[in-house]
Amino acid sequence: MEKRISVPMKKEELITLHAGDYVYITGTIYSARDAAHKRMYETMLEGKEISLELRDNVIYYLGPTPAKEGQVIGSAGPTTSSRMDKYTPLLLENGLNGMIGKGKRNQEVIDAIVKNKAVYFAAVGGAGALLSKCIKKSEIIAYEDLGTEAIRRMEVEDFPVIVVIDSEGNNLYETAVEDFKRNG
């Protein structure tokens, strides 16, 4: 099913999303990769505030290439999500509603998604140049010293993703394989 959502998003809207839904996101999302996740995680473990309000927000696992003249951002393809698995449960416990990346998640992350009624979206790997066209504004808001891995606040319009793991734990990577086995 095709859906359009605005972000930040509330739990009431999030729970209407189901594994396999095609979703177009409009609004504010944030980028963060490995180094930024590690820093946020360590800061939170120290009991300190991080530079990003997690509640109701979505993090895109992204380290864009430099923008060319006239561009808002360079190529903006997703990073492999499992690299953030160690840090994700804590971020979800602190209000993060969604993540955008590519690839499978470990069981601890899936359990945290269900417990915290969150959602995991996939963006198409290899389509970074096309995805960047959906990013209308981008500014570094934290960890500028990390270069491409700095946290960015981005305004997106009709950013295309697929729900891979929904708030009930339904996992498209598993159900698609089962559907293929039954119908293939």
N, C-alpha and C. Protein backbone atom coordinates (compact mmCIF):
# COMPACT_ATOMS: atom_id res chain seq x y z
N MET A 1 0.84 -1.17 0.00
CA MET A 1 0.00 0.00 0.00
C MET A 1 0.89 1.24 0.00
N GLU A 2 0.47 2.28 -0.69
CA GLU A 2 1.21 3.54 -0.75
C GLU A 2 0.63 4.53 0.24
N LYS A 3 1.53 5.17 1.03
CA LYS A 3 1.08 6.14 2.04
C LYS A 3 1.99 7.35 2.01
N ARG A 4 1.46 8.46 2.47
CA ARG A 4 2.23 9.69 2.62
C ARG A 4 2.18 10.08 4.09
N ILE A 5 3.35 10.41 4.65
CA ILE A 5 3.39 10.82 6.05
C ILE A 5 4.20 12.10 6.19
N SER A 6 3.89 12.82 7.26
CA SER A 6 4.66 14.00 7.61
C SER A 6 5.47 13.68 8.86
N VAL A 7 6.69 14.18 8.89
CA VAL A 7 7.56 13.98 10.04
C VAL A 7 7.95 15.34 10.60
N PRO A 8 8.15 15.43 11.93
CA PRO A 8 8.08 14.35 12.91
C PRO A 8 6.69 13.69 12.92
N MET A 9 6.66 12.44 13.37
CA MET A 9 5.40 11.70 13.37
C MET A 9 5.09 11.16 14.76
N LYS A 10 3.83 11.17 15.07
CA LYS A 10 3.35 10.66 16.37
C LYS A 10 3.12 9.15 16.27
N LYS A 11 3.11 8.50 17.43
CA LYS A 11 2.89 7.05 17.48
C LYS A 11 1.58 6.64 16.81
N GLU A 12 0.54 7.47 16.96
CA GLU A 12 -0.77 7.13 16.38
C GLU A 12 -0.69 6.96 14.87
N GLU A 13 0.13 7.78 14.23
CA GLU A 13 0.30 7.67 12.77
C GLU A 13 1.24 6.52 12.44
N LEU A 14 2.27 6.38 13.22
CA LEU A 14 3.28 5.36 12.98
C LEU A 14 2.68 3.95 13.01
N ILE A 15 1.77 3.70 13.94
CA ILE A 15 1.23 2.34 14.05
C ILE A 15 0.30 1.96 12.90
N THR A 16 -0.02 2.92 12.02
CA THR A 16 -0.83 2.59 10.84
C THR A 16 0.03 2.08 9.69
N LEU A 17 1.36 2.14 9.87
CA LEU A 17 2.29 1.67 8.84
C LEU A 17 2.55 0.18 9.01
N HIS A 18 2.60 -0.54 7.89
CA HIS A 18 2.79 -1.99 7.94
C HIS A 18 3.93 -2.40 7.01
N ALA A 19 4.62 -3.46 7.41
CA ALA A 19 5.71 -3.98 6.60
C ALA A 19 5.23 -4.16 5.16
N GLY A 20 6.01 -3.62 4.23
CA GLY A 20 5.67 -3.70 2.82
C GLY A 20 5.04 -2.43 2.26
N ASP A 21 4.59 -1.52 3.14
CA ASP A 21 4.00 -0.26 2.67
C ASP A 21 5.07 0.59 1.99
N TYR A 22 4.69 1.21 0.88
CA TYR A 22 5.52 2.22 0.23
C TYR A 22 5.13 3.55 0.83
N VAL A 23 6.11 4.30 1.33
CA VAL A 23 5.82 5.53 2.05
C VAL A 23 6.62 6.69 1.45
N TYR A 24 5.96 7.82 1.35
CA TYR A 24 6.62 9.06 0.92
C TYR A 24 6.63 9.99 2.13
N ILE A 25 7.83 10.35 2.58
CA ILE A 25 8.01 11.16 3.78
C ILE A 25 8.23 12.62 3.40
N THR A 26 7.52 13.51 4.08
CA THR A 26 7.73 14.94 3.93
C THR A 26 7.88 15.56 5.31
N GLY A 27 8.86 16.44 5.45
CA GLY A 27 9.09 17.12 6.73
C GLY A 27 10.55 17.10 7.10
N THR A 28 10.81 17.07 8.40
CA THR A 28 12.18 17.13 8.92
C THR A 28 12.65 15.75 9.37
N ILE A 29 13.80 15.33 8.85
CA ILE A 29 14.48 14.12 9.32
C ILE A 29 15.92 14.50 9.64
N TYR A 30 16.63 13.61 10.28
CA TYR A 30 18.02 13.86 10.68
C TYR A 30 18.91 12.76 10.12
N SER A 31 20.14 13.13 9.80
CA SER A 31 21.10 12.13 9.35
C SER A 31 22.08 11.83 10.47
N ALA A 32 22.49 10.59 10.57
CA ALA A 32 23.52 10.19 11.52
C ALA A 32 24.02 8.81 11.12
N ARG A 33 25.33 8.64 11.16
CA ARG A 33 25.94 7.35 10.87
C ARG A 33 26.69 6.83 12.08
N ASP A 34 27.58 5.90 11.86
CA ASP A 34 28.30 5.18 12.92
C ASP A 34 28.92 6.10 13.97
N ALA A 35 29.77 7.02 13.54
CA ALA A 35 30.50 7.86 14.49
C ALA A 35 29.56 8.74 15.30
N ALA A 36 28.54 9.30 14.66
CA ALA A 36 27.57 10.13 15.38
C ALA A 36 26.76 9.28 16.36
N HIS A 37 26.37 8.08 15.95
CA HIS A 37 25.64 7.20 16.85
C HIS A 37 26.48 6.84 18.08
N LYS A 38 27.74 6.53 17.85
CA LYS A 38 28.62 6.19 18.96
C LYS A 38 28.71 7.37 19.93
N ARG A 39 28.87 8.57 19.40
CA ARG A 39 28.99 9.75 20.26
C ARG A 39 27.68 10.02 21.01
N MET A 40 26.54 9.91 20.33
CA MET A 40 25.25 10.12 21.00
C MET A 40 25.08 9.09 22.12
N TYR A 41 25.38 7.83 21.82
CA TYR A 41 25.23 6.73 22.76
C TYR A 41 26.07 6.97 24.01
N GLU A 42 27.35 7.30 23.81
CA GLU A 42 28.24 7.54 24.95
C GLU A 42 27.79 8.74 25.77
N THR A 43 27.30 9.79 25.10
CA THR A 43 26.81 10.98 25.80
C THR A 43 25.59 10.63 26.65
N MET A 44 24.69 9.84 26.08
CA MET A 44 23.49 9.44 26.81
C MET A 44 23.83 8.55 28.00
N LEU A 45 24.80 7.65 27.84
CA LEU A 45 25.21 6.79 28.94
C LEU A 45 25.81 7.60 30.09
N GLU A 46 26.41 8.73 29.76
CA GLU A 46 26.96 9.63 30.78
C GLU A 46 25.86 10.47 31.43
N GLY A 47 24.63 10.32 30.96
CA GLY A 47 23.51 11.07 31.52
C GLY A 47 23.42 12.51 31.03
N LYS A 48 24.09 12.80 29.94
CA LYS A 48 24.09 14.16 29.39
C LYS A 48 23.10 14.25 28.22
N GLU A 49 22.73 15.49 27.90
CA GLU A 49 21.84 15.77 26.77
C GLU A 49 22.59 15.62 25.46
N ILE A 50 21.92 15.10 24.44
CA ILE A 50 22.51 15.07 23.11
C ILE A 50 22.00 16.27 22.31
N SER A 51 22.61 16.49 21.17
CA SER A 51 22.32 17.68 20.36
C SER A 51 21.09 17.54 19.48
N LEU A 52 20.31 16.52 19.70
CA LEU A 52 19.19 16.21 18.82
C LEU A 52 18.00 15.76 19.67
N GLU A 53 16.84 16.32 19.42
CA GLU A 53 15.62 15.86 20.07
C GLU A 53 15.18 14.58 19.37
N LEU A 54 15.19 13.47 20.06
CA LEU A 54 14.84 12.18 19.46
C LEU A 54 13.33 11.98 19.35
N ARG A 55 12.58 12.48 20.33
CA ARG A 55 11.16 12.20 20.42
C ARG A 55 10.44 12.50 19.10
N ASP A 56 9.75 11.49 18.59
CA ASP A 56 8.91 11.56 17.38
C ASP A 56 9.70 11.76 16.09
N ASN A 57 11.01 11.71 16.15
CA ASN A 57 11.81 11.98 14.97
C ASN A 57 12.32 10.72 14.28
N VAL A 58 12.88 10.95 13.09
CA VAL A 58 13.40 9.88 12.23
C VAL A 58 14.87 10.19 11.94
N ILE A 59 15.72 9.16 12.06
CA ILE A 59 17.14 9.29 11.69
C ILE A 59 17.37 8.48 10.42
N TYR A 60 18.02 9.13 9.47
CA TYR A 60 18.42 8.50 8.20
C TYR A 60 19.90 8.17 8.32
N TYR A 61 20.24 6.89 8.16
CA TYR A 61 21.63 6.45 8.24
C TYR A 61 22.32 6.88 6.94
N LEU A 62 22.95 8.04 7.00
CA LEU A 62 23.44 8.70 5.81
C LEU A 62 24.72 9.45 6.09
N GLY A 63 25.66 9.35 5.19
CA GLY A 63 26.85 10.18 5.16
C GLY A 63 26.98 10.66 3.73
N PRO A 64 26.36 11.79 3.40
CA PRO A 64 26.30 12.23 2.00
C PRO A 64 27.65 12.62 1.43
N THR A 65 27.75 12.56 0.12
CA THR A 65 28.93 13.08 -0.54
C THR A 65 28.82 14.60 -0.55
N PRO A 66 29.92 15.30 -0.76
CA PRO A 66 29.85 16.77 -0.80
C PRO A 66 28.90 17.24 -1.92
N ALA A 67 28.21 18.33 -1.63
CA ALA A 67 27.29 18.90 -2.61
C ALA A 67 28.07 19.60 -3.71
N LYS A 68 27.63 19.43 -4.94
CA LYS A 68 28.19 20.17 -6.06
C LYS A 68 27.51 21.53 -6.11
N GLU A 69 28.08 22.44 -6.84
CA GLU A 69 27.51 23.78 -6.95
C GLU A 69 26.05 23.70 -7.38
N GLY A 70 25.20 24.42 -6.65
CA GLY A 70 23.78 24.44 -6.97
C GLY A 70 22.97 23.33 -6.32
N GLN A 71 23.64 22.41 -5.62
CA GLN A 71 22.94 21.31 -4.95
C GLN A 71 22.80 21.60 -3.46
N VAL A 72 21.73 21.06 -2.87
CA VAL A 72 21.52 21.15 -1.44
C VAL A 72 22.44 20.19 -0.71
N ILE A 73 22.63 19.02 -1.30
CA ILE A 73 23.39 17.93 -0.69
C ILE A 73 23.91 17.05 -1.81
N GLY A 74 24.99 16.34 -1.55
CA GLY A 74 25.51 15.40 -2.54
C GLY A 74 24.68 14.12 -2.56
N SER A 75 25.23 13.10 -3.15
CA SER A 75 24.55 11.81 -3.20
C SER A 75 24.17 11.37 -1.79
N ALA A 76 22.94 10.90 -1.63
CA ALA A 76 22.39 10.65 -0.29
C ALA A 76 21.81 9.25 -0.16
N GLY A 77 22.63 8.24 -0.46
CA GLY A 77 22.18 6.86 -0.34
C GLY A 77 22.33 6.34 1.08
N PRO A 78 21.54 5.33 1.45
CA PRO A 78 21.55 4.80 2.81
C PRO A 78 22.80 3.99 3.13
N THR A 79 23.15 4.00 4.42
CA THR A 79 24.24 3.20 4.96
C THR A 79 23.65 1.91 5.53
N THR A 80 24.44 0.86 5.56
CA THR A 80 24.02 -0.41 6.12
C THR A 80 23.63 -0.24 7.59
N SER A 81 22.39 -0.55 7.89
CA SER A 81 21.81 -0.27 9.21
C SER A 81 22.41 -1.07 10.34
N SER A 82 22.86 -2.28 10.09
CA SER A 82 23.37 -3.13 11.17
C SER A 82 24.55 -2.48 11.88
N ARG A 83 25.21 -1.54 11.22
CA ARG A 83 26.33 -0.84 11.85
C ARG A 83 25.86 0.02 13.02
N MET A 84 24.57 0.34 13.08
CA MET A 84 24.03 1.15 14.17
C MET A 84 23.30 0.30 15.21
N ASP A 85 23.24 -1.01 15.03
CA ASP A 85 22.43 -1.87 15.90
C ASP A 85 22.80 -1.76 17.38
N LYS A 86 24.08 -1.65 17.69
CA LYS A 86 24.52 -1.57 19.09
C LYS A 86 23.89 -0.37 19.79
N TYR A 87 23.68 0.73 19.07
CA TYR A 87 23.23 1.98 19.66
C TYR A 87 21.72 2.19 19.59
N THR A 88 21.06 1.48 18.71
CA THR A 88 19.66 1.75 18.40
C THR A 88 18.69 1.54 19.56
N PRO A 89 18.76 0.45 20.34
CA PRO A 89 17.78 0.29 21.42
C PRO A 89 17.72 1.48 22.38
N LEU A 90 18.87 2.04 22.74
CA LEU A 90 18.88 3.18 23.65
C LEU A 90 18.22 4.40 23.01
N LEU A 91 18.47 4.63 21.73
CA LEU A 91 17.85 5.76 21.04
C LEU A 91 16.34 5.58 20.97
N LEU A 92 15.89 4.36 20.71
CA LEU A 92 14.45 4.09 20.65
C LEU A 92 13.81 4.30 22.02
N GLU A 93 14.50 3.87 23.08
CA GLU A 93 13.98 4.06 24.44
C GLU A 93 13.83 5.54 24.79
N ASN A 94 14.60 6.38 24.11
CA ASN A 94 14.56 7.81 24.37
C ASN A 94 13.70 8.57 23.37
N GLY A 95 12.81 7.86 22.66
CA GLY A 95 11.79 8.52 21.87
C GLY A 95 11.93 8.49 20.37
N LEU A 96 13.05 7.99 19.83
CA LEU A 96 13.19 7.91 18.39
C LEU A 96 12.06 7.06 17.82
N ASN A 97 11.39 7.56 16.78
CA ASN A 97 10.26 6.85 16.20
C ASN A 97 10.60 6.04 14.95
N GLY A 98 11.62 6.47 14.22
CA GLY A 98 11.90 5.77 12.97
C GLY A 98 13.34 5.88 12.55
N MET A 99 13.74 4.92 11.72
CA MET A 99 15.08 4.87 11.17
C MET A 99 14.95 4.54 9.69
N ILE A 100 15.85 5.11 8.89
CA ILE A 100 15.90 4.80 7.46
C ILE A 100 17.30 4.31 7.16
N GLY A 101 17.39 3.15 6.53
CA GLY A 101 18.70 2.60 6.16
C GLY A 101 18.53 1.54 5.11
N LYS A 102 19.41 0.54 5.17
CA LYS A 102 19.28 -0.61 4.29
C LYS A 102 19.81 -1.84 5.02
N GLY A 103 19.22 -2.97 4.72
CA GLY A 103 19.69 -4.22 5.29
C GLY A 103 18.98 -4.63 6.57
N LYS A 104 19.31 -5.84 7.00
CA LYS A 104 18.66 -6.45 8.16
C LYS A 104 19.09 -5.81 9.47
N ARG A 105 18.25 -6.02 10.50
CA ARG A 105 18.53 -5.57 11.87
C ARG A 105 18.62 -6.80 12.76
N ASN A 106 19.35 -6.69 13.87
CA ASN A 106 19.46 -7.84 14.77
C ASN A 106 18.20 -7.95 15.64
N GLN A 107 18.08 -9.06 16.35
CA GLN A 107 16.87 -9.33 17.13
C GLN A 107 16.67 -8.31 18.25
N GLU A 108 17.75 -7.85 18.85
CA GLU A 108 17.63 -6.85 19.92
C GLU A 108 16.99 -5.56 19.38
N VAL A 109 17.37 -5.16 18.18
CA VAL A 109 16.77 -3.96 17.57
C VAL A 109 15.31 -4.22 17.24
N ILE A 110 15.01 -5.37 16.68
CA ILE A 110 13.61 -5.70 16.34
C ILE A 110 12.75 -5.67 17.61
N ASP A 111 13.25 -6.27 18.69
CA ASP A 111 12.52 -6.26 19.95
C ASP A 111 12.31 -4.82 20.45
N ALA A 112 13.33 -3.97 20.30
CA ALA A 112 13.22 -2.57 20.74
C ALA A 112 12.24 -1.80 19.87
N ILE A 113 12.17 -2.13 18.59
CA ILE A 113 11.20 -1.50 17.69
C ILE A 113 9.79 -1.81 18.18
N VAL A 114 9.53 -3.06 18.49
CA VAL A 114 8.20 -3.47 18.97
C VAL A 114 7.91 -2.84 20.33
N LYS A 115 8.84 -2.95 21.26
CA LYS A 115 8.64 -2.41 22.61
C LYS A 115 8.34 -0.91 22.58
N ASN A 116 9.00 -0.18 21.70
CA ASN A 116 8.86 1.27 21.66
C ASN A 116 7.94 1.76 20.55
N LYS A 117 7.26 0.82 19.89
CA LYS A 117 6.32 1.15 18.81
C LYS A 117 6.96 2.10 17.79
N ALA A 118 8.08 1.65 17.22
CA ALA A 118 8.82 2.42 16.23
C ALA A 118 8.68 1.74 14.86
N VAL A 119 9.42 2.22 13.88
CA VAL A 119 9.38 1.64 12.55
C VAL A 119 10.76 1.76 11.89
N TYR A 120 11.10 0.76 11.09
CA TYR A 120 12.35 0.76 10.33
C TYR A 120 12.00 0.79 8.86
N PHE A 121 12.49 1.82 8.19
CA PHE A 121 12.27 1.99 6.75
C PHE A 121 13.55 1.64 6.00
N ALA A 122 13.40 1.20 4.76
CA ALA A 122 14.55 1.02 3.88
C ALA A 122 14.44 2.02 2.74
N ALA A 123 15.58 2.59 2.40
CA ALA A 123 15.70 3.40 1.19
C ALA A 123 16.50 2.56 0.20
N VAL A 124 16.35 2.84 -1.06
CA VAL A 124 17.01 2.02 -2.08
C VAL A 124 18.49 2.36 -2.16
N GLY A 125 19.31 1.36 -1.85
CA GLY A 125 20.75 1.53 -1.98
C GLY A 125 21.10 1.68 -3.45
N GLY A 126 22.10 2.50 -3.74
CA GLY A 126 22.50 2.72 -5.13
C GLY A 126 21.72 3.83 -5.81
N ALA A 127 20.73 4.39 -5.11
CA ALA A 127 19.91 5.45 -5.70
C ALA A 127 20.17 6.79 -5.02
N GLY A 128 21.35 6.96 -4.45
CA GLY A 128 21.68 8.16 -3.68
C GLY A 128 21.50 9.46 -4.44
N ALA A 129 21.88 9.48 -5.72
CA ALA A 129 21.74 10.70 -6.51
C ALA A 129 20.26 11.07 -6.67
N LEU A 130 19.42 10.06 -6.86
CA LEU A 130 17.98 10.32 -6.99
C LEU A 130 17.37 10.73 -5.65
N LEU A 131 17.76 10.05 -4.58
CA LEU A 131 17.23 10.38 -3.25
C LEU A 131 17.60 11.80 -2.84
N SER A 132 18.78 12.26 -3.24
CA SER A 132 19.21 13.61 -2.86
C SER A 132 18.28 14.68 -3.42
N LYS A 133 17.60 14.40 -4.51
CA LYS A 133 16.67 15.36 -5.10
C LYS A 133 15.45 15.60 -4.22
N CYS A 134 15.17 14.69 -3.30
CA CYS A 134 14.05 14.83 -2.37
C CYS A 134 14.43 15.64 -1.14
N ILE A 135 15.71 15.94 -0.98
CA ILE A 135 16.19 16.71 0.16
C ILE A 135 16.24 18.18 -0.26
N LYS A 136 15.39 18.98 0.34
CA LYS A 136 15.23 20.37 -0.07
C LYS A 136 16.09 21.34 0.74
N LYS A 137 16.52 20.91 1.92
CA LYS A 137 17.35 21.76 2.77
C LYS A 137 18.18 20.84 3.66
N SER A 138 19.42 21.23 3.94
CA SER A 138 20.29 20.43 4.80
C SER A 138 21.23 21.35 5.55
N GLU A 139 21.31 21.15 6.88
CA GLU A 139 22.25 21.93 7.68
C GLU A 139 22.83 21.06 8.78
N ILE A 140 24.11 21.22 9.03
CA ILE A 140 24.77 20.49 10.11
C ILE A 140 24.33 21.10 11.43
N ILE A 141 23.88 20.23 12.36
CA ILE A 141 23.44 20.73 13.67
C ILE A 141 24.30 20.20 14.82
N ALA A 142 25.14 19.19 14.55
CA ALA A 142 25.98 18.63 15.62
C ALA A 142 27.14 17.84 15.03
N TYR A 143 28.23 17.80 15.79
CA TYR A 143 29.40 16.98 15.48
C TYR A 143 30.02 17.33 14.12
N GLU A 144 30.15 18.62 13.86
CA GLU A 144 30.72 19.07 12.58
C GLU A 144 32.10 18.46 12.34
N ASP A 145 32.83 18.17 13.41
CA ASP A 145 34.16 17.58 13.28
C ASP A 145 34.14 16.20 12.64
N LEU A 146 32.97 15.58 12.54
CA LEU A 146 32.86 14.25 11.93
C LEU A 146 32.73 14.31 10.41
N GLY A 147 32.74 15.50 9.85
CA GLY A 147 32.67 15.63 8.39
C GLY A 147 31.36 15.10 7.84
N THR A 148 31.43 14.17 6.90
CA THR A 148 30.20 13.65 6.30
C THR A 148 29.32 12.92 7.31
N GLU A 149 29.90 12.51 8.45
CA GLU A 149 29.12 11.81 9.46
C GLU A 149 28.51 12.74 10.51
N ALA A 150 28.64 14.06 10.31
CA ALA A 150 28.01 15.01 11.22
C ALA A 150 26.49 14.83 11.17
N ILE A 151 25.82 15.23 12.23
CA ILE A 151 24.35 15.15 12.24
C ILE A 151 23.80 16.34 11.47
N ARG A 152 22.90 16.04 10.53
CA ARG A 152 22.25 17.07 9.73
C ARG A 152 20.75 17.07 9.98
N ARG A 153 20.18 18.26 9.98
CA ARG A 153 18.72 18.41 9.94
C ARG A 153 18.38 18.63 8.47
N MET A 154 17.48 17.81 7.97
CA MET A 154 17.15 17.88 6.54
C MET A 154 15.64 18.02 6.36
N GLU A 155 15.28 18.88 5.45
CA GLU A 155 13.88 19.00 5.04
C GLU A 155 13.73 18.16 3.79
N VAL A 156 12.79 17.20 3.83
CA VAL A 156 12.58 16.31 2.69
C VAL A 156 11.16 16.46 2.17
N GLU A 157 11.01 16.15 0.90
CA GLU A 157 9.70 16.19 0.27
C GLU A 157 9.51 14.91 -0.55
N ASP A 158 8.47 14.17 -0.22
CA ASP A 158 8.16 12.91 -0.92
C ASP A 158 9.38 11.99 -1.01
N PHE A 159 10.06 11.83 0.12
CA PHE A 159 11.23 10.95 0.20
C PHE A 159 10.74 9.50 0.22
N PRO A 160 11.11 8.69 -0.80
CA PRO A 160 10.54 7.35 -0.92
C PRO A 160 11.25 6.29 -0.08
N VAL A 161 10.47 5.57 0.73
CA VAL A 161 10.99 4.48 1.55
C VAL A 161 9.97 3.33 1.56
N ILE A 162 10.41 2.21 2.07
CA ILE A 162 9.55 1.04 2.24
C ILE A 162 9.61 0.65 3.71
N VAL A 163 8.46 0.35 4.32
CA VAL A 163 8.45 -0.14 5.69
C VAL A 163 8.99 -1.57 5.68
N VAL A 164 10.09 -1.78 6.38
CA VAL A 164 10.67 -3.12 6.47
C VAL A 164 10.23 -3.80 7.75
N ILE A 165 10.35 -3.09 8.89
CA ILE A 165 9.90 -3.64 10.17
C ILE A 165 8.91 -2.65 10.76
N ASP A 166 7.69 -3.12 10.98
CA ASP A 166 6.67 -2.23 11.52
C ASP A 166 6.61 -2.32 13.04
N SER A 167 5.74 -1.54 13.65
CA SER A 167 5.67 -1.43 15.10
C SER A 167 5.22 -2.73 15.78
N GLU A 168 4.72 -3.67 15.01
CA GLU A 168 4.32 -4.97 15.56
C GLU A 168 5.40 -6.04 15.35
N GLY A 169 6.50 -5.66 14.70
CA GLY A 169 7.59 -6.60 14.48
C GLY A 169 7.50 -7.38 13.18
N ASN A 170 6.49 -7.09 12.36
CA ASN A 170 6.42 -7.74 11.05
C ASN A 170 7.62 -7.30 10.23
N ASN A 171 8.32 -8.26 9.64
CA ASN A 171 9.59 -7.99 8.98
C ASN A 171 9.49 -8.38 7.51
N LEU A 172 9.54 -7.38 6.64
CA LEU A 172 9.41 -7.62 5.20
C LEU A 172 10.49 -8.55 4.68
N TYR A 173 11.70 -8.48 5.24
CA TYR A 173 12.76 -9.35 4.77
C TYR A 173 12.43 -10.82 5.01
N GLU A 174 11.67 -11.10 6.05
CA GLU A 174 11.26 -12.48 6.33
C GLU A 174 10.01 -12.86 5.54
N THR A 175 9.00 -11.98 5.54
CA THR A 175 7.75 -12.32 4.87
C THR A 175 7.92 -12.40 3.36
N ALA A 176 8.81 -11.59 2.79
CA ALA A 176 9.03 -11.63 1.34
C ALA A 176 9.64 -12.96 0.93
N VAL A 177 10.55 -13.48 1.75
CA VAL A 177 11.17 -14.78 1.46
C VAL A 177 10.11 -15.88 1.53
N GLU A 178 9.27 -15.82 2.56
CA GLU A 178 8.21 -16.83 2.70
C GLU A 178 7.22 -16.75 1.53
N ASP A 179 6.84 -15.54 1.14
CA ASP A 179 5.93 -15.36 0.00
C ASP A 179 6.56 -15.92 -1.27
N PHE A 180 7.84 -15.70 -1.47
CA PHE A 180 8.53 -16.19 -2.65
C PHE A 180 8.55 -17.71 -2.66
N LYS A 181 8.83 -18.32 -1.50
CA LYS A 181 8.86 -19.78 -1.39
C LYS A 181 7.49 -20.38 -1.71
N ARG A 182 6.43 -19.72 -1.24
CA ARG A 182 5.07 -20.21 -1.48
C ARG A 182 4.64 -20.01 -2.94
N ASN A 183 5.00 -18.88 -3.50
CA ASN A 183 4.49 -18.52 -4.83
C ASN A 183 5.52 -18.63 -5.95
N GLY A 184 6.79 -18.84 -5.58
CA GLY A 184 7.88 -18.81 -6.57
C GLY A 184 7.97 -20.06 -7.32
